Amino acid sequence: MMYAILEASGKQIWVKPGQFYDINKVTAQPGDKIRLDRILFLRKHETLIIGKPCIPKTYATCKVLKHLKGRKITVFKMKPKKNIHSKHGHRQQISRILIESIKTQTT
């Protein structure tokens, strides 16, 4: 079993090869391959590697599947006794990526 914890777009994600994940939007087009270098933790069979903070010469190759919007979040602001209120919605732009492989040169 192989998995890793990587940092992508300000979040830490636990990833496995062959699965897809949603992260904040990347600038690549659908079908492009990207490389995520900030691997914080790696488990390869029975070997555990912990980075300080990242593992050098380790990266994950990913394929951008598509760009989409996340769930809608409603933001409501109100000032009591002033008759001021505003209601806004926000949908975050996200990218769906497929983790193809996690490669390391340390083991």
PDB file of N, CA and C in Angstrom:
ATOM      1  N   MET A   1       0.847  -1.178   0.000  1.00  0.00           N
ATOM      2  CA  MET A   1       0.000   0.000   0.000  1.00  0.00           C
ATOM      3  C   MET A   1       0.890   1.237   0.000  1.00  0.00           C
ATOM      4  N   MET A   2       0.546   2.175  -0.863  1.00  0.00           N
ATOM      5  CA  MET A   2       1.313   3.410  -0.971  1.00  0.00           C
ATOM      6  C   MET A   2       0.361   4.586  -0.874  1.00  0.00           C
ATOM      7  N   TYR A   3       0.695   5.534   0.000  1.00  0.00           N
ATOM      8  CA  TYR A   3      -0.059   6.771   0.081  1.00  0.00           C
ATOM      9  C   TYR A   3       0.863   7.879   0.548  1.00  0.00           C
ATOM     10  N   ALA A   4       0.400   9.103   0.387  1.00  0.00           N
ATOM     11  CA  ALA A   4       1.203  10.263   0.767  1.00  0.00           C
ATOM     12  C   ALA A   4       0.283  11.365   1.266  1.00  0.00           C
ATOM     13  N   ILE A   5       0.867  12.248   2.057  1.00  0.00           N
ATOM     14  CA  ILE A   5       0.188  13.468   2.453  1.00  0.00           C
ATOM     15  C   ILE A   5       0.936  14.600   1.766  1.00  0.00           C
ATOM     16  N   LEU A   6       0.219  15.352   0.938  1.00  0.00           N
ATOM     17  CA  LEU A   6       0.872  16.438   0.203  1.00  0.00           C
ATOM     18  C   LEU A   6       0.140  17.744   0.448  1.00  0.00           C
ATOM     19  N   GLU A   7       0.844  18.827   0.170  1.00  0.00           N
ATOM     20  CA  GLU A   7       0.259  20.153   0.314  1.00  0.00           C
ATOM     21  C   GLU A   7      -0.014  20.710  -1.068  1.00  0.00           C
ATOM     22  N   ALA A   8      -1.275  21.035  -1.304  1.00  0.00           N
ATOM     23  CA  ALA A   8      -1.678  21.598  -2.594  1.00  0.00           C
ATOM     24  C   ALA A   8      -2.678  22.705  -2.346  1.00  0.00           C
ATOM     25  N   SER A   9      -2.404  23.862  -2.873  1.00  0.00           N
ATOM     26  CA  SER A   9      -3.254  25.048  -2.785  1.00  0.00           C
ATOM     27  C   SER A   9      -3.641  25.377  -1.338  1.00  0.00           C
ATOM     28  N   GLY A  10      -2.660  25.294  -0.452  1.00  0.00           N
ATOM     29  CA  GLY A  10      -2.880  25.702   0.931  1.00  0.00           C
ATOM     30  C   GLY A  10      -3.537  24.663   1.815  1.00  0.00           C
ATOM     31  N   LYS A  11      -3.779  23.471   1.314  1.00  0.00           N
ATOM     32  CA  LYS A  11      -4.423  22.415   2.102  1.00  0.00           C
ATOM     33  C   LYS A  11      -3.564  21.162   2.078  1.00  0.00           C
ATOM     34  N   GLN A  12      -3.659  20.375   3.130  1.00  0.00           N
ATOM     35  CA  GLN A  12      -2.959  19.097   3.172  1.00  0.00           C
ATOM     36  C   GLN A  12      -3.952  18.001   2.800  1.00  0.00           C
ATOM     37  N   ILE A  13      -3.565  17.158   1.853  1.00  0.00           N
ATOM     38  CA  ILE A  13      -4.461  16.144   1.307  1.00  0.00           C
ATOM     39  C   ILE A  13      -3.782  14.785   1.412  1.00  0.00           C
ATOM     40  N   TRP A  14      -4.529  13.786   1.857  1.00  0.00           N
ATOM     41  CA  TRP A  14      -4.044  12.410   1.919  1.00  0.00           C
ATOM     42  C   TRP A  14      -4.413  11.767   0.588  1.00  0.00           C
ATOM     43  N   VAL A  15      -3.411  11.366  -0.213  1.00  0.00           N
ATOM     44  CA  VAL A  15      -3.669  10.886  -1.570  1.00  0.00           C
ATOM     45  C   VAL A  15      -3.131   9.476  -1.777  1.00  0.00           C
ATOM     46  N   LYS A  16      -3.778   8.767  -2.691  1.00  0.00           N
ATOM     47  CA  LYS A  16      -3.343   7.449  -3.148  1.00  0.00           C
ATOM     48  C   LYS A  16      -3.278   7.477  -4.668  1.00  0.00           C
ATOM     49  N   PRO A  17      -2.349   6.769  -5.281  1.00  0.00           N
ATOM     50  CA  PRO A  17      -2.309   6.712  -6.749  1.00  0.00           C
ATOM     51  C   PRO A  17      -3.564   6.039  -7.302  1.00  0.00           C
ATOM     52  N   GLY A  18      -4.072   6.594  -8.418  1.00  0.00           N
ATOM     53  CA  GLY A  18      -5.241   6.025  -9.070  1.00  0.00           C
ATOM     54  C   GLY A  18      -6.556   6.625  -8.622  1.00  0.00           C
ATOM     55  N   GLN A  19      -6.550   7.575  -7.673  1.00  0.00           N
ATOM     56  CA  GLN A  19      -7.781   8.197  -7.222  1.00  0.00           C
ATOM     57  C   GLN A  19      -7.779   9.672  -7.588  1.00  0.00           C
ATOM     58  N   PHE A  20      -8.969  10.275  -7.640  1.00  0.00           N
ATOM     59  CA  PHE A  20      -9.047  11.694  -7.980  1.00  0.00           C
ATOM     60  C   PHE A  20      -9.467  12.507  -6.763  1.00  0.00           C
ATOM     61  N   TYR A  21      -9.038  13.783  -6.761  1.00  0.00           N
ATOM     62  CA  TYR A  21      -9.282  14.686  -5.646  1.00  0.00           C
ATOM     63  C   TYR A  21      -9.625  16.066  -6.191  1.00  0.00           C
ATOM     64  N   ASP A  22     -10.338  16.858  -5.383  1.00  0.00           N
ATOM     65  CA  ASP A  22     -10.685  18.227  -5.741  1.00  0.00           C
ATOM     66  C   ASP A  22      -9.807  19.173  -4.943  1.00  0.00           C
ATOM     67  N   ILE A  23      -9.117  20.083  -5.657  1.00  0.00           N
ATOM     68  CA  ILE A  23      -8.281  21.089  -5.024  1.00  0.00           C
ATOM     69  C   ILE A  23      -8.674  22.449  -5.583  1.00  0.00           C
ATOM     70  N   ASN A  24      -8.153  23.521  -4.988  1.00  0.00           N
ATOM     71  CA  ASN A  24      -8.406  24.852  -5.539  1.00  0.00           C
ATOM     72  C   ASN A  24      -7.897  24.911  -6.968  1.00  0.00           C
ATOM     73  N   LYS A  25      -8.484  25.772  -7.767  1.00  0.00           N
ATOM     74  CA  LYS A  25      -8.225  25.796  -9.211  1.00  0.00           C
ATOM     75  C   LYS A  25      -6.745  26.012  -9.522  1.00  0.00           C
ATOM     76  N   VAL A  26      -6.229  25.182 -10.442  1.00  0.00           N
ATOM     77  CA  VAL A  26      -4.869  25.324 -10.946  1.00  0.00           C
ATOM     78  C   VAL A  26      -4.946  25.919 -12.349  1.00  0.00           C
ATOM     79  N   THR A  27      -3.832  26.468 -12.817  1.00  0.00           N
ATOM     80  CA  THR A  27      -3.850  27.184 -14.092  1.00  0.00           C
ATOM     81  C   THR A  27      -3.711  26.267 -15.305  1.00  0.00           C
ATOM     82  N   ALA A  28      -3.583  24.986 -15.110  1.00  0.00           N
ATOM     83  CA  ALA A  28      -3.432  24.052 -16.224  1.00  0.00           C
ATOM     84  C   ALA A  28      -4.787  23.782 -16.889  1.00  0.00           C
ATOM     85  N   GLN A  29      -4.740  23.373 -18.137  1.00  0.00           N
ATOM     86  CA  GLN A  29      -5.941  23.009 -18.891  1.00  0.00           C
ATOM     87  C   GLN A  29      -6.315  21.547 -18.613  1.00  0.00           C
ATOM     88  N   PRO A  30      -7.591  21.177 -18.795  1.00  0.00           N
ATOM     89  CA  PRO A  30      -7.965  19.768 -18.652  1.00  0.00           C
ATOM     90  C   PRO A  30      -7.182  18.896 -19.627  1.00  0.00           C
ATOM     91  N   GLY A  31      -6.626  17.809 -19.107  1.00  0.00           N
ATOM     92  CA  GLY A  31      -5.793  16.916 -19.902  1.00  0.00           C
ATOM     93  C   GLY A  31      -4.310  17.141 -19.674  1.00  0.00           C
ATOM     94  N   ASP A  32      -3.928  18.299 -19.127  1.00  0.00           N
ATOM     95  CA  ASP A  32      -2.514  18.575 -18.845  1.00  0.00           C
ATOM     96  C   ASP A  32      -2.042  17.786 -17.626  1.00  0.00           C
ATOM     97  N   LYS A  33      -0.744  17.544 -17.595  1.00  0.00           N
ATOM     98  CA  LYS A  33      -0.135  16.872 -16.446  1.00  0.00           C
ATOM     99  C   LYS A  33       0.566  17.926 -15.602  1.00  0.00           C
ATOM    100  N   ILE A  34       0.391  17.821 -14.285  1.00  0.00           N
ATOM    101  CA  ILE A  34       1.069  18.721 -13.363  1.00  0.00           C
ATOM    102  C   ILE A  34       1.878  17.898 -12.382  1.00  0.00           C
ATOM    103  N   ARG A  35       2.793  18.571 -11.699  1.00  0.00           N
ATOM    104  CA  ARG A  35       3.674  17.897 -10.755  1.00  0.00           C
ATOM    105  C   ARG A  35       3.565  18.617  -9.418  1.00  0.00           C
ATOM    106  N   LEU A  36       3.206  17.888  -8.365  1.00  0.00           N
ATOM    107  CA  LEU A  36       3.084  18.456  -7.031  1.00  0.00           C
ATOM    108  C   LEU A  36       4.316  18.021  -6.225  1.00  0.00           C
ATOM    109  N   ASP A  37       5.117  19.014  -5.807  1.00  0.00           N
ATOM    110  CA  ASP A  37       6.411  18.730  -5.181  1.00  0.00           C
ATOM    111  C   ASP A  37       6.381  18.716  -3.661  1.00  0.00           C
ATOM    112  N   ARG A  38       5.374  19.296  -3.059  1.00  0.00           N
ATOM    113  CA  ARG A  38       5.376  19.427  -1.599  1.00  0.00           C
ATOM    114  C   ARG A  38       4.775  18.187  -0.944  1.00  0.00           C
ATOM    115  N   ILE A  39       5.572  17.129  -0.853  1.00  0.00           N
ATOM    116  CA  ILE A  39       5.162  15.884  -0.198  1.00  0.00           C
ATOM    117  C   ILE A  39       5.632  15.956   1.249  1.00  0.00           C
ATOM    118  N   LEU A  40       4.693  15.868   2.193  1.00  0.00           N
ATOM    119  CA  LEU A  40       5.022  15.998   3.606  1.00  0.00           C
ATOM    120  C   LEU A  40       5.264  14.646   4.271  1.00  0.00           C
ATOM    121  N   PHE A  41       4.599  13.613   3.794  1.00  0.00           N
ATOM    122  CA  PHE A  41       4.686  12.280   4.399  1.00  0.00           C
ATOM    123  C   PHE A  41       4.484  11.255   3.299  1.00  0.00           C
ATOM    124  N   LEU A  42       5.209  10.142   3.381  1.00  0.00           N
ATOM    125  CA  LEU A  42       5.103   9.091   2.364  1.00  0.00           C
ATOM    126  C   LEU A  42       5.174   7.734   3.025  1.00  0.00           C
ATOM    127  N   ARG A  43       4.241   6.865   2.645  1.00  0.00           N
ATOM    128  CA  ARG A  43       4.303   5.466   3.065  1.00  0.00           C
ATOM    129  C   ARG A  43       4.381   4.623   1.810  1.00  0.00           C
ATOM    130  N   LYS A  44       5.456   3.859   1.703  1.00  0.00           N
ATOM    131  CA  LYS A  44       5.666   2.982   0.563  1.00  0.00           C
ATOM    132  C   LYS A  44       5.901   1.592   1.121  1.00  0.00           C
ATOM    133  N   HIS A  45       4.909   0.735   0.982  1.00  0.00           N
ATOM    134  CA  HIS A  45       4.887  -0.614   1.552  1.00  0.00           C
ATOM    135  C   HIS A  45       5.027  -0.503   3.074  1.00  0.00           C
ATOM    136  N   GLU A  46       6.130  -0.877   3.662  1.00  0.00           N
ATOM    137  CA  GLU A  46       6.302  -0.794   5.111  1.00  0.00           C
ATOM    138  C   GLU A  46       7.233   0.340   5.525  1.00  0.00           C
ATOM    139  N   THR A  47       7.694   1.135   4.563  1.00  0.00           N
ATOM    140  CA  THR A  47       8.621   2.227   4.850  1.00  0.00           C
ATOM    141  C   THR A  47       7.849   3.527   5.055  1.00  0.00           C
ATOM    142  N   LEU A  48       8.158   4.234   6.140  1.00  0.00           N
ATOM    143  CA  LEU A  48       7.555   5.529   6.420  1.00  0.00           C
ATOM    144  C   LEU A  48       8.632   6.593   6.294  1.00  0.00           C
ATOM    145  N   ILE A  49       8.341   7.657   5.540  1.00  0.00           N
ATOM    146  CA  ILE A  49       9.275   8.763   5.370  1.00  0.00           C
ATOM    147  C   ILE A  49       8.547  10.040   5.772  1.00  0.00           C
ATOM    148  N   ILE A  50       9.136  10.777   6.698  1.00  0.00           N
ATOM    149  CA  ILE A  50       8.547  12.025   7.172  1.00  0.00           C
ATOM    150  C   ILE A  50       9.443  13.168   6.732  1.00  0.00           C
ATOM    151  N   GLY A  51       8.866  14.197   6.134  1.00  0.00           N
ATOM    152  CA  GLY A  51       9.623  15.349   5.662  1.00  0.00           C
ATOM    153  C   GLY A  51       9.844  16.379   6.751  1.00  0.00           C
ATOM    154  N   LYS A  52      10.822  17.249   6.517  1.00  0.00           N
ATOM    155  CA  LYS A  52      11.136  18.301   7.479  1.00  0.00           C
ATOM    156  C   LYS A  52      11.246  19.639   6.784  1.00  0.00           C
ATOM    157  N   PRO A  53      10.243  20.306   6.318  1.00  0.00           N
ATOM    158  CA  PRO A  53       8.829  19.927   6.285  1.00  0.00           C
ATOM    159  C   PRO A  53       8.475  19.076   5.071  1.00  0.00           C
ATOM    160  N   CYS A  54       9.286  19.109   3.992  1.00  0.00           N
ATOM    161  CA  CYS A  54       8.976  18.334   2.792  1.00  0.00           C
ATOM    162  C   CYS A  54      10.065  17.300   2.550  1.00  0.00           C
ATOM    163  N   ILE A  55       9.710  16.261   1.806  1.00  0.00           N
ATOM    164  CA  ILE A  55      10.671  15.222   1.437  1.00  0.00           C
ATOM    165  C   ILE A  55      11.354  15.652   0.144  1.00  0.00           C
ATOM    166  N   PRO A  56      12.684  15.770   0.139  1.00  0.00           N
ATOM    167  CA  PRO A  56      13.360  16.193  -1.093  1.00  0.00           C
ATOM    168  C   PRO A  56      13.319  15.102  -2.158  1.00  0.00           C
ATOM    169  N   LYS A  57      13.329  15.517  -3.414  1.00  0.00           N
ATOM    170  CA  LYS A  57      13.343  14.630  -4.581  1.00  0.00           C
ATOM    171  C   LYS A  57      12.156  13.675  -4.610  1.00  0.00           C
ATOM    172  N   THR A  58      11.017  14.120  -4.107  1.00  0.00           N
ATOM    173  CA  THR A  58       9.793  13.329  -4.119  1.00  0.00           C
ATOM    174  C   THR A  58       8.684  14.190  -4.703  1.00  0.00           C
ATOM    175  N   TYR A  59       7.875  13.610  -5.589  1.00  0.00           N
ATOM    176  CA  TYR A  59       6.803  14.376  -6.219  1.00  0.00           C
ATOM    177  C   TYR A  59       5.683  13.433  -6.642  1.00  0.00           C
ATOM    178  N   ALA A  60       4.527  14.035  -6.886  1.00  0.00           N
ATOM    179  CA  ALA A  60       3.371  13.300  -7.380  1.00  0.00           C
ATOM    180  C   ALA A  60       3.028  13.844  -8.759  1.00  0.00           C
ATOM    181  N   THR A  61       2.837  12.945  -9.714  1.00  0.00           N
ATOM    182  CA  THR A  61       2.408  13.367 -11.043  1.00  0.00           C
ATOM    183  C   THR A  61       0.886  13.235 -11.109  1.00  0.00           C
ATOM    184  N   CYS A  62       0.243  14.293 -11.604  1.00  0.00           N
ATOM    185  CA  CYS A  62      -1.212  14.355 -11.625  1.00  0.00           C
ATOM    186  C   CYS A  62      -1.691  14.784 -13.000  1.00  0.00           C
ATOM    187  N   LYS A  63      -2.911  14.402 -13.312  1.00  0.00           N
ATOM    188  CA  LYS A  63      -3.549  14.806 -14.562  1.00  0.00           C
ATOM    189  C   LYS A  63      -4.796  15.596 -14.193  1.00  0.00           C
ATOM    190  N   VAL A  64      -4.945  16.778 -14.791  1.00  0.00           N
ATOM    191  CA  VAL A  64      -6.121  17.616 -14.554  1.00  0.00           C
ATOM    192  C   VAL A  64      -7.279  17.035 -15.364  1.00  0.00           C
ATOM    193  N   LEU A  65      -8.342  16.631 -14.673  1.00  0.00           N
ATOM    194  CA  LEU A  65      -9.491  16.044 -15.356  1.00  0.00           C
ATOM    195  C   LEU A  65     -10.460  17.115 -15.841  1.00  0.00           C
ATOM    196  N   LYS A  66     -10.852  18.042 -14.953  1.00  0.00           N
ATOM    197  CA  LYS A  66     -11.768  19.107 -15.347  1.00  0.00           C
ATOM    198  C   LYS A  66     -11.778  20.199 -14.286  1.00  0.00           C
ATOM    199  N   HIS A  67     -12.340  21.344 -14.659  1.00  0.00           N
ATOM    200  CA  HIS A  67     -12.542  22.455 -13.747  1.00  0.00           C
ATOM    201  C   HIS A  67     -14.039  22.559 -13.471  1.00  0.00           C
ATOM    202  N   LEU A  68     -14.389  22.816 -12.227  1.00  0.00           N
ATOM    203  CA  LEU A  68     -15.782  22.941 -11.860  1.00  0.00           C
ATOM    204  C   LEU A  68     -15.917  23.893 -10.686  1.00  0.00           C
ATOM    205  N   LYS A  69     -17.150  24.106 -10.240  1.00  0.00           N
ATOM    206  CA  LYS A  69     -17.411  24.977  -9.105  1.00  0.00           C
ATOM    207  C   LYS A  69     -17.819  24.136  -7.909  1.00  0.00           C
ATOM    208  N   GLY A  70     -17.423  24.586  -6.734  1.00  0.00           N
ATOM    209  CA  GLY A  70     -17.760  23.887  -5.501  1.00  0.00           C
ATOM    210  C   GLY A  70     -19.173  24.204  -5.039  1.00  0.00           C
ATOM    211  N   ARG A  71     -19.491  23.773  -3.823  1.00  0.00           N
ATOM    212  CA  ARG A  71     -20.804  24.037  -3.256  1.00  0.00           C
ATOM    213  C   ARG A  71     -20.984  25.516  -2.980  1.00  0.00           C
ATOM    214  N   LYS A  72     -22.216  25.976  -3.022  1.00  0.00           N
ATOM    215  CA  LYS A  72     -22.499  27.387  -2.779  1.00  0.00           C
ATOM    216  C   LYS A  72     -22.509  27.653  -1.277  1.00  0.00           C
ATOM    217  N   ILE A  73     -21.840  28.736  -0.891  1.00  0.00           N
ATOM    218  CA  ILE A  73     -21.798  29.180   0.496  1.00  0.00           C
ATOM    219  C   ILE A  73     -22.521  30.515   0.563  1.00  0.00           C
ATOM    220  N   THR A  74     -23.452  30.640   1.487  1.00  0.00           N
ATOM    221  CA  THR A  74     -24.206  31.872   1.656  1.00  0.00           C
ATOM    222  C   THR A  74     -23.573  32.708   2.762  1.00  0.00           C
ATOM    223  N   VAL A  75     -23.315  33.981   2.462  1.00  0.00           N
ATOM    224  CA  VAL A  75     -22.733  34.906   3.431  1.00  0.00           C
ATOM    225  C   VAL A  75     -23.796  35.961   3.724  1.00  0.00           C
ATOM    226  N   PHE A  76     -24.195  36.054   4.995  1.00  0.00           N
ATOM    227  CA  PHE A  76     -25.230  37.011   5.386  1.00  0.00           C
ATOM    228  C   PHE A  76     -24.654  37.940   6.444  1.00  0.00           C
ATOM    229  N   LYS A  77     -24.695  39.244   6.175  1.00  0.00           N
ATOM    230  CA  LYS A  77     -24.202  40.243   7.117  1.00  0.00           C
ATOM    231  C   LYS A  77     -25.362  41.149   7.501  1.00  0.00           C
ATOM    232  N   MET A  78     -25.403  41.504   8.788  1.00  0.00           N
ATOM    233  CA  MET A  78     -26.503  42.336   9.262  1.00  0.00           C
ATOM    234  C   MET A  78     -26.011  43.229  10.387  1.00  0.00           C
ATOM    235  N   LYS A  79     -26.457  44.471  10.363  1.00  0.00           N
ATOM    236  CA  LYS A  79     -26.180  45.399  11.457  1.00  0.00           C
ATOM    237  C   LYS A  79     -27.514  45.693  12.135  1.00  0.00           C
ATOM    238  N   PRO A  80     -27.655  45.283  13.371  1.00  0.00           N
ATOM    239  CA  PRO A  80     -28.951  45.483  14.028  1.00  0.00           C
ATOM    240  C   PRO A  80     -29.245  46.968  14.261  1.00  0.00           C
ATOM    241  N   LYS A  81     -30.511  47.301  14.244  1.00  0.00           N
ATOM    242  CA  LYS A  81     -31.037  48.646  14.498  1.00  0.00           C
ATOM    243  C   LYS A  81     -30.652  49.667  13.437  1.00  0.00           C
ATOM    244  N   LYS A  82     -29.960  49.265  12.376  1.00  0.00           N
ATOM    245  CA  LYS A  82     -29.550  50.185  11.314  1.00  0.00           C
ATOM    246  C   LYS A  82     -30.282  49.897  10.007  1.00  0.00           C
ATOM    247  N   ASN A  83     -31.039  48.805   9.967  1.00  0.00           N
ATOM    248  CA  ASN A  83     -31.758  48.373   8.772  1.00  0.00           C
ATOM    249  C   ASN A  83     -30.792  48.127   7.599  1.00  0.00           C
ATOM    250  N   ILE A  84     -29.617  47.573   7.939  1.00  0.00           N
ATOM    251  CA  ILE A  84     -28.613  47.242   6.922  1.00  0.00           C
ATOM    252  C   ILE A  84     -28.381  45.741   6.954  1.00  0.00           C
ATOM    253  N   HIS A  85     -28.580  45.110   5.826  1.00  0.00           N
ATOM    254  CA  HIS A  85     -28.267  43.691   5.709  1.00  0.00           C
ATOM    255  C   HIS A  85     -27.890  43.393   4.259  1.00  0.00           C
ATOM    256  N   SER A  86     -27.018  42.400   4.097  1.00  0.00           N
ATOM    257  CA  SER A  86     -26.619  41.985   2.747  1.00  0.00           C
ATOM    258  C   SER A  86     -26.473  40.472   2.725  1.00  0.00           C
ATOM    259  N   LYS A  87     -26.870  39.891   1.638  1.00  0.00           N
ATOM    260  CA  LYS A  87     -26.800  38.448   1.460  1.00  0.00           C
ATOM    261  C   LYS A  87     -26.089  38.165   0.151  1.00  0.00           C
ATOM    262  N   HIS A  88     -24.985  37.442   0.219  1.00  0.00           N
ATOM    263  CA  HIS A  88     -24.193  37.115  -0.960  1.00  0.00           C
ATOM    264  C   HIS A  88     -23.905  35.620  -0.965  1.00  0.00           C
ATOM    265  N   GLY A  89     -23.682  35.101  -2.136  1.00  0.00           N
ATOM    266  CA  GLY A  89     -23.290  33.706  -2.281  1.00  0.00           C
ATOM    267  C   GLY A  89     -21.920  33.611  -2.927  1.00  0.00           C
ATOM    268  N   HIS A  90     -21.250  32.503  -2.689  1.00  0.00           N
ATOM    269  CA  HIS A  90     -19.923  32.299  -3.274  1.00  0.00           C
ATOM    270  C   HIS A  90     -19.767  30.824  -3.639  1.00  0.00           C
ATOM    271  N   ARG A  91     -19.224  30.582  -4.833  1.00  0.00           N
ATOM    272  CA  ARG A  91     -18.888  29.224  -5.265  1.00  0.00           C
ATOM    273  C   ARG A  91     -17.425  29.217  -5.662  1.00  0.00           C
ATOM    274  N   GLN A  92     -16.623  28.428  -4.958  1.00  0.00           N
ATOM    275  CA  GLN A  92     -15.184  28.361  -5.188  1.00  0.00           C
ATOM    276  C   GLN A  92     -14.889  27.606  -6.484  1.00  0.00           C
ATOM    277  N   GLN A  93     -13.957  28.113  -7.276  1.00  0.00           N
ATOM    278  CA  GLN A  93     -13.499  27.421  -8.482  1.00  0.00           C
ATOM    279  C   GLN A  93     -12.546  26.309  -8.044  1.00  0.00           C
ATOM    280  N   ILE A  94     -12.811  25.071  -8.453  1.00  0.00           N
ATOM    281  CA  ILE A  94     -11.957  23.944  -8.081  1.00  0.00           C
ATOM    282  C   ILE A  94     -11.555  23.153  -9.323  1.00  0.00           C
ATOM    283  N   SER A  95     -10.497  22.384  -9.167  1.00  0.00           N
ATOM    284  CA  SER A  95     -10.017  21.508 -10.234  1.00  0.00           C
ATOM    285  C   SER A  95     -10.028  20.074  -9.717  1.00  0.00           C
ATOM    286  N   ARG A  96     -10.457  19.166 -10.555  1.00  0.00           N
ATOM    287  CA  ARG A  96     -10.427  17.746 -10.206  1.00  0.00           C
ATOM    288  C   ARG A  96      -9.175  17.154 -10.835  1.00  0.00           C
ATOM    289  N   ILE A  97      -8.312  16.564  -9.995  1.00  0.00           N
ATOM    290  CA  ILE A  97      -7.060  15.986 -10.486  1.00  0.00           C
ATOM    291  C   ILE A  97      -7.028  14.496 -10.176  1.00  0.00           C
ATOM    292  N   LEU A  98      -6.354  13.754 -11.035  1.00  0.00           N
ATOM    293  CA  LEU A  98      -6.151  12.318 -10.864  1.00  0.00           C
ATOM    294  C   LEU A  98      -4.687  12.100 -10.520  1.00  0.00           C
ATOM    295  N   ILE A  99      -4.422  11.453  -9.394  1.00  0.00           N
ATOM    296  CA  ILE A  99      -3.052  11.147  -8.989  1.00  0.00           C
ATOM    297  C   ILE A  99      -2.618   9.916  -9.771  1.00  0.00           C
ATOM    298  N   GLU A 100      -1.641  10.072 -10.655  1.00  0.00           N
ATOM    299  CA  GLU A 100      -1.187   8.955 -11.465  1.00  0.00           C
ATOM    300  C   GLU A 100      -0.102   8.153 -10.758  1.00  0.00           C
ATOM    301  N   SER A 101       0.874   8.834 -10.161  1.00  0.00           N
ATOM    302  CA  SER A 101       1.934   8.126  -9.465  1.00  0.00           C
ATOM    303  C   SER A 101       2.613   9.049  -8.459  1.00  0.00           C
ATOM    304  N   ILE A 102       3.256   8.419  -7.486  1.00  0.00           N
ATOM    305  CA  ILE A 102       4.063   9.136  -6.504  1.00  0.00           C
ATOM    306  C   ILE A 102       5.468   8.569  -6.630  1.00  0.00           C
ATOM    307  N   LYS A 103       6.421   9.417  -6.979  1.00  0.00           N
ATOM    308  CA  LYS A 103       7.781   8.960  -7.230  1.00  0.00           C
ATOM    309  C   LYS A 103       8.732   9.554  -6.223  1.00  0.00           C
ATOM    310  N   THR A 104       9.704   8.748  -5.824  1.00  0.00           N
ATOM    311  CA  THR A 104      10.728   9.188  -4.892  1.00  0.00           C
ATOM    312  C   THR A 104      12.070   8.627  -5.296  1.00  0.00           C
ATOM    313  N   GLN A 105      13.127   9.360  -4.978  1.00  0.00           N
ATOM    314  CA  GLN A 105      14.477   8.893  -5.275  1.00  0.00           C
ATOM    315  C   GLN A 105      15.238   8.571  -3.995  1.00  0.00           C
ATOM    316  N   THR A 106      14.560   8.670  -2.833  1.00  0.00           N
ATOM    317  CA  THR A 106      15.224   8.417  -1.562  1.00  0.00           C
ATOM    318  C   THR A 106      15.237   6.936  -1.205  1.00  0.00           C
ATOM    319  N   THR A 107      14.257   6.153  -1.746  1.00  0.00           N
ATOM    320  CA  THR A 107      14.239   4.712  -1.427  1.00  0.00           C
ATOM    321  C   THR A 107      14.355   3.878  -2.674  1.00  0.00           C
TER     322      THR A 107
END
